[in-house]
PDB file of N, CA and C in Angstrom:
ATOM      1  N   UNK A   1     -22.952  -0.445   4.025  1.00  0.00           N
ATOM      2  CA  UNK A   1     -22.257   0.360   3.053  1.00  0.00           C
ATOM      3  C   UNK A   1     -21.734  -0.543   1.940  1.00  0.00           C
ATOM      4  N   UNK A   2     -21.887  -0.106   0.699  1.00  0.00           N
ATOM      5  CA  UNK A   2     -21.448  -0.882  -0.453  1.00  0.00           C
ATOM      6  C   UNK A   2     -19.933  -0.825  -0.569  1.00  0.00           C
ATOM      7  N   UNK A   3     -19.313  -1.976  -0.800  1.00  0.00           N
ATOM      8  CA  UNK A   3     -17.880  -2.008  -1.002  1.00  0.00           C
ATOM      9  C   UNK A   3     -17.576  -1.370  -2.359  1.00  0.00           C
ATOM     10  N   UNK A   4     -16.499  -0.577  -2.438  1.00  0.00           N
ATOM     11  CA  UNK A   4     -16.177   0.088  -3.697  1.00  0.00           C
ATOM     12  C   UNK A   4     -16.040  -0.860  -4.879  1.00  0.00           C
ATOM     13  N   UNK A   5     -15.534  -2.077  -4.651  1.00  0.00           N
ATOM     14  CA  UNK A   5     -15.358  -3.035  -5.736  1.00  0.00           C
ATOM     15  C   UNK A   5     -16.702  -3.390  -6.375  1.00  0.00           C
ATOM     16  N   UNK A   6     -17.774  -3.290  -5.607  1.00  0.00           N
ATOM     17  CA  UNK A   6     -19.096  -3.654  -6.098  1.00  0.00           C
ATOM     18  C   UNK A   6     -19.989  -2.448  -6.369  1.00  0.00           C
ATOM     19  N   UNK A   7     -19.461  -1.240  -6.247  1.00  0.00           N
ATOM     20  CA  UNK A   7     -20.290  -0.061  -6.451  1.00  0.00           C
ATOM     21  C   UNK A   7     -20.727   0.040  -7.912  1.00  0.00           C
ATOM     22  N   UNK A   8     -21.858   0.664  -8.127  1.00  0.00           N
ATOM     23  CA  UNK A   8     -22.382   0.821  -9.481  1.00  0.00           C
ATOM     24  C   UNK A   8     -21.434   1.641 -10.351  1.00  0.00           C
ATOM     25  N   UNK A   9     -20.839   2.675  -9.785  1.00  0.00           N
ATOM     26  CA  UNK A   9     -19.921   3.498 -10.567  1.00  0.00           C
ATOM     27  C   UNK A   9     -18.661   2.726 -10.946  1.00  0.00           C
ATOM     28  N   UNK A  10     -18.152   1.902 -10.042  1.00  0.00           N
ATOM     29  CA  UNK A  10     -16.970   1.097 -10.375  1.00  0.00           C
ATOM     30  C   UNK A  10     -17.324   0.077 -11.453  1.00  0.00           C
ATOM     31  N   UNK A  11     -18.506  -0.511 -11.347  1.00  0.00           N
ATOM     32  CA  UNK A  11     -18.949  -1.448 -12.384  1.00  0.00           C
ATOM     33  C   UNK A  11     -19.062  -0.749 -13.733  1.00  0.00           C
ATOM     34  N   UNK A  12     -19.491   0.513 -13.716  1.00  0.00           N
ATOM     35  CA  UNK A  12     -19.583   1.290 -14.962  1.00  0.00           C
ATOM     36  C   UNK A  12     -18.195   1.485 -15.575  1.00  0.00           C
ATOM     37  N   UNK A  13     -17.190   1.720 -14.731  1.00  0.00           N
ATOM     38  CA  UNK A  13     -15.816   1.868 -15.225  1.00  0.00           C
ATOM     39  C   UNK A  13     -15.373   0.578 -15.907  1.00  0.00           C
ATOM     40  N   UNK A  14     -15.609  -0.549 -15.248  1.00  0.00           N
ATOM     41  CA  UNK A  14     -15.200  -1.837 -15.811  1.00  0.00           C
ATOM     42  C   UNK A  14     -15.924  -2.140 -17.118  1.00  0.00           C
ATOM     43  N   UNK A  15     -17.242  -1.880 -17.141  1.00  0.00           N
ATOM     44  CA  UNK A  15     -18.010  -2.109 -18.376  1.00  0.00           C
ATOM     45  C   UNK A  15     -17.451  -1.269 -19.518  1.00  0.00           C
ATOM     46  N   UNK A  16     -17.144  -0.019 -19.217  1.00  0.00           N
ATOM     47  CA  UNK A  16     -16.650   0.876 -20.257  1.00  0.00           C
ATOM     48  C   UNK A  16     -15.252   0.478 -20.725  1.00  0.00           C
ATOM     49  N   UNK A  17     -14.392   0.054 -19.826  1.00  0.00           N
ATOM     50  CA  UNK A  17     -13.070  -0.425 -20.239  1.00  0.00           C
ATOM     51  C   UNK A  17     -13.211  -1.608 -21.202  1.00  0.00           C
ATOM     52  N   UNK A  18     -14.107  -2.514 -20.870  1.00  0.00           N
ATOM     53  CA  UNK A  18     -14.304  -3.682 -21.735  1.00  0.00           C
ATOM     54  C   UNK A  18     -14.936  -3.287 -23.064  1.00  0.00           C
ATOM     55  N   UNK A  19     -15.966  -2.421 -23.008  1.00  0.00           N
ATOM     56  CA  UNK A  19     -16.621  -1.968 -24.241  1.00  0.00           C
ATOM     57  C   UNK A  19     -15.617  -1.311 -25.178  1.00  0.00           C
ATOM     58  N   UNK A  20     -14.781  -0.440 -24.625  1.00  0.00           N
ATOM     59  CA  UNK A  20     -13.811   0.261 -25.469  1.00  0.00           C
ATOM     60  C   UNK A  20     -12.797  -0.719 -26.057  1.00  0.00           C
ATOM     61  N   UNK A  21     -12.362  -1.680 -25.260  1.00  0.00           N
ATOM     62  CA  UNK A  21     -11.433  -2.694 -25.779  1.00  0.00           C
ATOM     63  C   UNK A  21     -12.061  -3.453 -26.937  1.00  0.00           C
ATOM     64  N   UNK A  22     -13.323  -3.851 -26.750  1.00  0.00           N
ATOM     65  CA  UNK A  22     -14.009  -4.608 -27.791  1.00  0.00           C
ATOM     66  C   UNK A  22     -14.290  -3.744 -29.025  1.00  0.00           C
ATOM     67  N   UNK A  23     -14.666  -2.483 -28.831  1.00  0.00           N
ATOM     68  CA  UNK A  23     -14.895  -1.577 -29.958  1.00  0.00           C
ATOM     69  C   UNK A  23     -13.631  -1.400 -30.795  1.00  0.00           C
ATOM     70  N   UNK A  24     -12.488  -1.379 -30.123  1.00  0.00           N
ATOM     71  CA  UNK A  24     -11.206  -1.231 -30.810  1.00  0.00           C
ATOM     72  C   UNK A  24     -10.696  -2.569 -31.344  1.00  0.00           C
ATOM     73  N   UNK A  25     -11.465  -3.628 -31.128  1.00  0.00           N
ATOM     74  CA  UNK A  25     -11.139  -4.982 -31.585  1.00  0.00           C
ATOM     75  C   UNK A  25      -9.775  -5.443 -31.067  1.00  0.00           C
ATOM     76  N   UNK A  26      -9.559  -5.173 -29.784  1.00  0.00           N
ATOM     77  CA  UNK A  26      -8.342  -5.615 -29.104  1.00  0.00           C
ATOM     78  C   UNK A  26      -8.731  -6.770 -28.187  1.00  0.00           C
ATOM     79  N   UNK A  27      -8.102  -7.906 -28.364  1.00  0.00           N
ATOM     80  CA  UNK A  27      -8.403  -9.060 -27.511  1.00  0.00           C
ATOM     81  C   UNK A  27      -7.759  -8.874 -26.142  1.00  0.00           C
ATOM     82  N   UNK A  28      -8.210  -9.671 -25.192  1.00  0.00           N
ATOM     83  CA  UNK A  28      -7.587  -9.646 -23.870  1.00  0.00           C
ATOM     84  C   UNK A  28      -6.114 -10.031 -23.972  1.00  0.00           C
ATOM     85  N   UNK A  29      -5.805 -10.957 -24.854  1.00  0.00           N
ATOM     86  CA  UNK A  29      -4.419 -11.403 -25.013  1.00  0.00           C
ATOM     87  C   UNK A  29      -3.542 -10.266 -25.534  1.00  0.00           C
ATOM     88  N   UNK A  30      -4.013  -9.575 -26.558  1.00  0.00           N
ATOM     89  CA  UNK A  30      -3.236  -8.465 -27.120  1.00  0.00           C
ATOM     90  C   UNK A  30      -3.072  -7.358 -26.080  1.00  0.00           C
ATOM     91  N   UNK A  31      -4.155  -7.030 -25.374  1.00  0.00           N
ATOM     92  CA  UNK A  31      -4.073  -6.003 -24.345  1.00  0.00           C
ATOM     93  C   UNK A  31      -3.073  -6.409 -23.265  1.00  0.00           C
ATOM     94  N   UNK A  32      -3.117  -7.670 -22.856  1.00  0.00           N
ATOM     95  CA  UNK A  32      -2.193  -8.132 -21.810  1.00  0.00           C
ATOM     96  C   UNK A  32      -0.745  -8.025 -22.275  1.00  0.00           C
ATOM     97  N   UNK A  33      -0.498  -8.307 -23.537  1.00  0.00           N
ATOM     98  CA  UNK A  33       0.864  -8.182 -24.070  1.00  0.00           C
ATOM     99  C   UNK A  33       1.306  -6.720 -24.080  1.00  0.00           C
ATOM    100  N   UNK A  34       0.405  -5.831 -24.454  1.00  0.00           N
ATOM    101  CA  UNK A  34       0.734  -4.400 -24.478  1.00  0.00           C
ATOM    102  C   UNK A  34       1.011  -3.861 -23.075  1.00  0.00           C
ATOM    103  N   UNK A  35       0.325  -4.430 -22.085  1.00  0.00           N
ATOM    104  CA  UNK A  35       0.482  -3.969 -20.704  1.00  0.00           C
ATOM    105  C   UNK A  35       1.555  -4.743 -19.946  1.00  0.00           C
ATOM    106  N   UNK A  36       2.063  -5.804 -20.543  1.00  0.00           N
ATOM    107  CA  UNK A  36       3.043  -6.683 -19.912  1.00  0.00           C
ATOM    108  C   UNK A  36       2.474  -7.322 -18.645  1.00  0.00           C
ATOM    109  N   UNK A  37       1.251  -7.835 -18.778  1.00  0.00           N
ATOM    110  CA  UNK A  37       0.570  -8.574 -17.714  1.00  0.00           C
ATOM    111  C   UNK A  37      -0.005  -9.845 -18.344  1.00  0.00           C
ATOM    112  N   UNK A  38      -0.612 -10.682 -17.539  1.00  0.00           N
ATOM    113  CA  UNK A  38      -1.213 -11.901 -18.083  1.00  0.00           C
ATOM    114  C   UNK A  38      -2.640 -11.631 -18.570  1.00  0.00           C
ATOM    115  N   UNK A  39      -3.104 -12.502 -19.441  1.00  0.00           N
ATOM    116  CA  UNK A  39      -4.494 -12.416 -19.904  1.00  0.00           C
ATOM    117  C   UNK A  39      -5.434 -12.630 -18.732  1.00  0.00           C
ATOM    118  N   UNK A  40      -5.032 -13.457 -17.775  1.00  0.00           N
ATOM    119  CA  UNK A  40      -5.842 -13.704 -16.585  1.00  0.00           C
ATOM    120  C   UNK A  40      -6.037 -12.414 -15.787  1.00  0.00           C
ATOM    121  N   UNK A  41      -4.999 -11.584 -15.709  1.00  0.00           N
ATOM    122  CA  UNK A  41      -5.099 -10.291 -15.033  1.00  0.00           C
ATOM    123  C   UNK A  41      -6.193  -9.443 -15.683  1.00  0.00           C
ATOM    124  N   UNK A  42      -6.175  -9.364 -17.002  1.00  0.00           N
ATOM    125  CA  UNK A  42      -7.183  -8.575 -17.734  1.00  0.00           C
ATOM    126  C   UNK A  42      -8.573  -9.127 -17.454  1.00  0.00           C
ATOM    127  N   UNK A  43      -8.726 -10.427 -17.541  1.00  0.00           N
ATOM    128  CA  UNK A  43     -10.007 -11.070 -17.312  1.00  0.00           C
ATOM    129  C   UNK A  43     -10.538 -10.804 -15.904  1.00  0.00           C
ATOM    130  N   UNK A  44      -9.677 -10.974 -14.912  1.00  0.00           N
ATOM    131  CA  UNK A  44     -10.098 -10.744 -13.521  1.00  0.00           C
ATOM    132  C   UNK A  44     -10.502  -9.293 -13.296  1.00  0.00           C
ATOM    133  N   UNK A  45      -9.761  -8.371 -13.892  1.00  0.00           N
ATOM    134  CA  UNK A  45     -10.112  -6.952 -13.751  1.00  0.00           C
ATOM    135  C   UNK A  45     -11.465  -6.668 -14.404  1.00  0.00           C
ATOM    136  N   UNK A  46     -11.663  -7.141 -15.618  1.00  0.00           N
ATOM    137  CA  UNK A  46     -12.914  -6.880 -16.323  1.00  0.00           C
ATOM    138  C   UNK A  46     -14.113  -7.511 -15.614  1.00  0.00           C
ATOM    139  N   UNK A  47     -13.911  -8.638 -14.967  1.00  0.00           N
ATOM    140  CA  UNK A  47     -15.002  -9.290 -14.224  1.00  0.00           C
ATOM    141  C   UNK A  47     -15.259  -8.644 -12.874  1.00  0.00           C
ATOM    142  N   UNK A  48     -14.305  -7.840 -12.414  1.00  0.00           N
ATOM    143  CA  UNK A  48     -14.449  -7.218 -11.103  1.00  0.00           C
ATOM    144  C   UNK A  48     -13.884  -8.064  -9.984  1.00  0.00           C
ATOM    145  N   UNK A  49     -13.138  -9.102 -10.335  1.00  0.00           N
ATOM    146  CA  UNK A  49     -12.522  -9.954  -9.314  1.00  0.00           C
ATOM    147  C   UNK A  49     -11.240  -9.338  -8.757  1.00  0.00           C
ATOM    148  N   UNK A  50     -10.674  -8.409  -9.507  1.00  0.00           N
ATOM    149  CA  UNK A  50      -9.464  -7.720  -9.062  1.00  0.00           C
ATOM    150  C   UNK A  50      -9.639  -6.237  -9.314  1.00  0.00           C
ATOM    151  N   UNK A  51      -9.350  -5.452  -8.316  1.00  0.00           N
ATOM    152  CA  UNK A  51      -9.500  -4.003  -8.425  1.00  0.00           C
ATOM    153  C   UNK A  51      -8.321  -3.399  -9.196  1.00  0.00           C
ATOM    154  N   UNK A  52      -8.620  -2.394 -10.016  1.00  0.00           N
ATOM    155  CA  UNK A  52      -7.597  -1.716 -10.810  1.00  0.00           C
ATOM    156  C   UNK A  52      -7.198  -0.432 -10.092  1.00  0.00           C
ATOM    157  N   UNK A  53      -5.893  -0.242  -9.888  1.00  0.00           N
ATOM    158  CA  UNK A  53      -5.469   1.024  -9.279  1.00  0.00           C
ATOM    159  C   UNK A  53      -5.301   2.073 -10.381  1.00  0.00           C
ATOM    160  N   UNK A  54      -5.059   3.299  -9.989  1.00  0.00           N
ATOM    161  CA  UNK A  54      -5.034   4.406 -10.951  1.00  0.00           C
ATOM    162  C   UNK A  54      -3.900   4.254 -11.960  1.00  0.00           C
ATOM    163  N   UNK A  55      -2.749   3.749 -11.554  1.00  0.00           N
ATOM    164  CA  UNK A  55      -1.644   3.563 -12.490  1.00  0.00           C
ATOM    165  C   UNK A  55      -1.956   2.462 -13.505  1.00  0.00           C
ATOM    166  N   UNK A  56      -2.583   1.384 -13.038  1.00  0.00           N
ATOM    167  CA  UNK A  56      -3.000   0.314 -13.954  1.00  0.00           C
ATOM    168  C   UNK A  56      -4.064   0.836 -14.923  1.00  0.00           C
ATOM    169  N   UNK A  57      -4.965   1.651 -14.409  1.00  0.00           N
ATOM    170  CA  UNK A  57      -6.016   2.245 -15.234  1.00  0.00           C
ATOM    171  C   UNK A  57      -5.403   3.078 -16.359  1.00  0.00           C
ATOM    172  N   UNK A  58      -4.432   3.917 -16.013  1.00  0.00           N
ATOM    173  CA  UNK A  58      -3.790   4.758 -17.029  1.00  0.00           C
ATOM    174  C   UNK A  58      -2.988   3.926 -18.023  1.00  0.00           C
ATOM    175  N   UNK A  59      -2.333   2.873 -17.541  1.00  0.00           N
ATOM    176  CA  UNK A  59      -1.602   1.960 -18.428  1.00  0.00           C
ATOM    177  C   UNK A  59      -2.561   1.261 -19.378  1.00  0.00           C
ATOM    178  N   UNK A  60      -3.721   0.855 -18.851  1.00  0.00           N
ATOM    179  CA  UNK A  60      -4.760   0.176 -19.638  1.00  0.00           C
ATOM    180  C   UNK A  60      -5.208   1.088 -20.780  1.00  0.00           C
ATOM    181  N   UNK A  61      -5.523   2.340 -20.438  1.00  0.00           N
ATOM    182  CA  UNK A  61      -5.973   3.288 -21.459  1.00  0.00           C
ATOM    183  C   UNK A  61      -4.881   3.533 -22.493  1.00  0.00           C
ATOM    184  N   UNK A  62      -3.647   3.686 -22.029  1.00  0.00           N
ATOM    185  CA  UNK A  62      -2.531   3.900 -22.936  1.00  0.00           C
ATOM    186  C   UNK A  62      -2.367   2.720 -23.889  1.00  0.00           C
ATOM    187  N   UNK A  63      -2.514   1.508 -23.367  1.00  0.00           N
ATOM    188  CA  UNK A  63      -2.388   0.302 -24.197  1.00  0.00           C
ATOM    189  C   UNK A  63      -3.488   0.226 -25.252  1.00  0.00           C
ATOM    190  N   UNK A  64      -4.622   0.831 -24.958  1.00  0.00           N
ATOM    191  CA  UNK A  64      -5.722   0.882 -25.932  1.00  0.00           C
ATOM    192  C   UNK A  64      -5.595   2.083 -26.871  1.00  0.00           C
ATOM    193  N   UNK A  65      -4.721   3.029 -26.509  1.00  0.00           N
ATOM    194  CA  UNK A  65      -4.598   4.246 -27.305  1.00  0.00           C
ATOM    195  C   UNK A  65      -5.736   5.214 -27.060  1.00  0.00           C
ATOM    196  N   UNK A  66      -6.342   5.132 -25.871  1.00  0.00           N
ATOM    197  CA  UNK A  66      -7.476   5.987 -25.515  1.00  0.00           C
ATOM    198  C   UNK A  66      -7.002   7.065 -24.546  1.00  0.00           C
ATOM    199  N   UNK A  67      -7.166   8.340 -24.895  1.00  0.00           N
ATOM    200  CA  UNK A  67      -6.803   9.392 -23.946  1.00  0.00           C
ATOM    201  C   UNK A  67      -7.686   9.319 -22.701  1.00  0.00           C
ATOM    202  N   UNK A  68      -7.084   9.548 -21.547  1.00  0.00           N
ATOM    203  CA  UNK A  68      -7.831   9.492 -20.288  1.00  0.00           C
ATOM    204  C   UNK A  68      -9.020  10.449 -20.318  1.00  0.00           C
ATOM    205  N   UNK A  69      -8.837  11.618 -20.910  1.00  0.00           N
ATOM    206  CA  UNK A  69      -9.912  12.610 -20.978  1.00  0.00           C
ATOM    207  C   UNK A  69     -11.116  12.074 -21.752  1.00  0.00           C
ATOM    208  N   UNK A  70     -10.843  11.342 -22.824  1.00  0.00           N
ATOM    209  CA  UNK A  70     -11.930  10.766 -23.628  1.00  0.00           C
ATOM    210  C   UNK A  70     -12.684   9.713 -22.827  1.00  0.00           C
ATOM    211  N   UNK A  71     -11.943   8.893 -22.085  1.00  0.00           N
ATOM    212  CA  UNK A  71     -12.583   7.867 -21.265  1.00  0.00           C
ATOM    213  C   UNK A  71     -13.452   8.509 -20.194  1.00  0.00           C
ATOM    214  N   UNK A  72     -12.908   9.493 -19.484  1.00  0.00           N
ATOM    215  CA  UNK A  72     -13.641  10.158 -18.396  1.00  0.00           C
ATOM    216  C   UNK A  72     -14.891  10.848 -18.938  1.00  0.00           C
ATOM    217  N   UNK A  73     -14.769  11.476 -20.088  1.00  0.00           N
ATOM    218  CA  UNK A  73     -15.919  12.141 -20.696  1.00  0.00           C
ATOM    219  C   UNK A  73     -17.031  11.135 -20.998  1.00  0.00           C
ATOM    220  N   UNK A  74     -16.646  10.013 -21.579  1.00  0.00           N
ATOM    221  CA  UNK A  74     -17.639   8.973 -21.897  1.00  0.00           C
ATOM    222  C   UNK A  74     -18.211   8.361 -20.621  1.00  0.00           C
ATOM    223  N   UNK A  75     -17.360   8.131 -19.637  1.00  0.00           N
ATOM    224  CA  UNK A  75     -17.824   7.592 -18.356  1.00  0.00           C
ATOM    225  C   UNK A  75     -18.822   8.544 -17.709  1.00  0.00           C
ATOM    226  N   UNK A  76     -18.535   9.818 -17.765  1.00  0.00           N
ATOM    227  CA  UNK A  76     -19.426  10.815 -17.176  1.00  0.00           C
ATOM    228  C   UNK A  76     -20.808  10.748 -17.802  1.00  0.00           C
ATOM    229  N   UNK A  77     -20.869  10.550 -19.110  1.00  0.00           N
ATOM    230  CA  UNK A  77     -22.173  10.417 -19.784  1.00  0.00           C
ATOM    231  C   UNK A  77     -22.907   9.163 -19.306  1.00  0.00           C
ATOM    232  N   UNK A  78     -22.174   8.064 -19.141  1.00  0.00           N
ATOM    233  CA  UNK A  78     -22.775   6.807 -18.673  1.00  0.00           C
ATOM    234  C   UNK A  78     -23.318   6.974 -17.257  1.00  0.00           C
ATOM    235  N   UNK A  79     -22.529   7.597 -16.393  1.00  0.00           N
ATOM    236  CA  UNK A  79     -22.930   7.780 -14.996  1.00  0.00           C
ATOM    237  C   UNK A  79     -24.117   8.737 -14.911  1.00  0.00           C
ATOM    238  N   UNK A  80     -24.153   9.754 -15.756  1.00  0.00           N
ATOM    239  CA  UNK A  80     -25.277  10.699 -15.769  1.00  0.00           C
ATOM    240  C   UNK A  80     -26.575   9.978 -16.103  1.00  0.00           C
ATOM    241  N   UNK A  81     -26.509   9.035 -17.025  1.00  0.00           N
ATOM    242  CA  UNK A  81     -27.693   8.243 -17.377  1.00  0.00           C
ATOM    243  C   UNK A  81     -28.167   7.470 -16.160  1.00  0.00           C
ATOM    244  N   UNK A  82     -27.226   6.943 -15.355  1.00  0.00           N
ATOM    245  CA  UNK A  82     -27.559   6.184 -14.155  1.00  0.00           C
ATOM    246  C   UNK A  82     -28.236   7.007 -13.084  1.00  0.00           C
ATOM    247  N   UNK A  83     -28.113   8.339 -13.171  1.00  0.00           N
ATOM    248  CA  UNK A  83     -28.733   9.190 -12.155  1.00  0.00           C
ATOM    249  C   UNK A  83     -30.251   9.091 -12.196  1.00  0.00           C
ATOM    250  N   UNK A  84     -30.797   8.622 -13.291  1.00  0.00           N
ATOM    251  CA  UNK A  84     -32.236   8.428 -13.380  1.00  0.00           C
ATOM    252  C   UNK A  84     -32.707   7.194 -12.627  1.00  0.00           C
ATOM    253  N   UNK A  85     -31.783   6.350 -12.195  1.00  0.00           N
ATOM    254  CA  UNK A  85     -32.087   5.125 -11.471  1.00  0.00           C
ATOM    255  C   UNK A  85     -32.418   5.471 -10.020  1.00  0.00           C
ATOM    256  N   UNK A  86     -33.652   5.175  -9.556  1.00  0.00           N
ATOM    257  CA  UNK A  86     -34.045   5.526  -8.189  1.00  0.00           C
ATOM    258  C   UNK A  86     -33.120   4.941  -7.122  1.00  0.00           C
ATOM    259  N   UNK A  87     -32.615   3.730  -7.337  1.00  0.00           N
ATOM    260  CA  UNK A  87     -31.733   3.109  -6.348  1.00  0.00           C
ATOM    261  C   UNK A  87     -30.433   3.911  -6.224  1.00  0.00           C
ATOM    262  N   UNK A  88     -29.900   4.347  -7.354  1.00  0.00           N
ATOM    263  CA  UNK A  88     -28.676   5.137  -7.315  1.00  0.00           C
ATOM    264  C   UNK A  88     -28.928   6.495  -6.672  1.00  0.00           C
ATOM    265  N   UNK A  89     -30.073   7.112  -6.978  1.00  0.00           N
ATOM    266  CA  UNK A  89     -30.394   8.399  -6.365  1.00  0.00           C
ATOM    267  C   UNK A  89     -30.494   8.274  -4.858  1.00  0.00           C
ATOM    268  N   UNK A  90     -31.122   7.194  -4.387  1.00  0.00           N
ATOM    269  CA  UNK A  90     -31.280   6.978  -2.957  1.00  0.00           C
ATOM    270  C   UNK A  90     -29.909   6.837  -2.296  1.00  0.00           C
ATOM    271  N   UNK A  91     -29.005   6.088  -2.907  1.00  0.00           N
ATOM    272  CA  UNK A  91     -27.662   5.914  -2.356  1.00  0.00           C
ATOM    273  C   UNK A  91     -26.940   7.256  -2.276  1.00  0.00           C
ATOM    274  N   UNK A  92     -27.059   8.066  -3.332  1.00  0.00           N
ATOM    275  CA  UNK A  92     -26.401   9.376  -3.324  1.00  0.00           C
ATOM    276  C   UNK A  92     -26.968  10.255  -2.223  1.00  0.00           C
ATOM    277  N   UNK A  93     -28.293  10.187  -2.034  1.00  0.00           N
ATOM    278  CA  UNK A  93     -28.954  10.994  -1.020  1.00  0.00           C
ATOM    279  C   UNK A  93     -28.468  10.603   0.376  1.00  0.00           C
ATOM    280  N   UNK A  94     -28.384   9.317   0.632  1.00  0.00           N
ATOM    281  CA  UNK A  94     -27.912   8.834   1.936  1.00  0.00           C
ATOM    282  C   UNK A  94     -26.473   9.274   2.150  1.00  0.00           C
ATOM    283  N   UNK A  95     -25.639   9.131   1.101  1.00  0.00           N
ATOM    284  CA  UNK A  95     -24.241   9.520   1.214  1.00  0.00           C
ATOM    285  C   UNK A  95     -24.116  11.024   1.441  1.00  0.00           C
ATOM    286  N   UNK A  96     -24.920  11.801   0.732  1.00  0.00           N
ATOM    287  CA  UNK A  96     -24.878  13.265   0.885  1.00  0.00           C
ATOM    288  C   UNK A  96     -25.283  13.660   2.293  1.00  0.00           C
ATOM    289  N   UNK A  97     -26.319  13.015   2.837  1.00  0.00           N
ATOM    290  CA  UNK A  97     -26.773  13.323   4.206  1.00  0.00           C
ATOM    291  C   UNK A  97     -25.691  12.984   5.227  1.00  0.00           C
ATOM    292  N   UNK A  98     -24.962  11.926   5.020  1.00  0.00           N
ATOM    293  CA  UNK A  98     -23.877  11.567   5.940  1.00  0.00           C
ATOM    294  C   UNK A  98     -22.782  12.610   5.921  1.00  0.00           C
ATOM    295  N   UNK A  99     -22.512  13.163   4.747  1.00  0.00           N
ATOM    296  CA  UNK A  99     -21.431  14.144   4.619  1.00  0.00           C
ATOM    297  C   UNK A  99     -21.820  15.518   5.170  1.00  0.00           C
ATOM    298  N   UNK A 100     -23.106  15.796   5.310  1.00  0.00           N
ATOM    299  CA  UNK A 100     -23.520  17.120   5.759  1.00  0.00           C
ATOM    300  C   UNK A 100     -23.755  17.175   7.262  1.00  0.00           C
ATOM    301  N   UNK A 101     -23.663  16.038   7.933  1.00  0.00           N
ATOM    302  CA  UNK A 101     -23.835  16.015   9.395  1.00  0.00           C
ATOM    303  C   UNK A 101     -22.660  16.687  10.069  1.00  0.00           C
ATOM    304  N   UNK A 102     -22.929  17.359  11.197  1.00  0.00           N
ATOM    305  CA  UNK A 102     -21.847  18.016  11.943  1.00  0.00           C
ATOM    306  C   UNK A 102     -21.308  17.116  13.021  1.00  0.00           C
TER     307      UNK A 102
END
């Protein structure tokens, strides 16, 4: 079983957080100051070395000025594109079969 920290969907979240930060031209240092954390914290999260909890996620979005709904909508489009990936489809199929067993 894939660990959540390494799952494709979690990686998509991290990629999108970084993409949005870069699109808004916010450095890791500026973001860390807005969140009252260290730049190392931001770096570790973006690399996937540290998992982000839901409160940190919402703080991150707030510090970027991105509504959570906008992020989720964009993430949903990214994940939908991934559904064409045979490896991801196979994982979903296996997971679905496990959930339907009695």
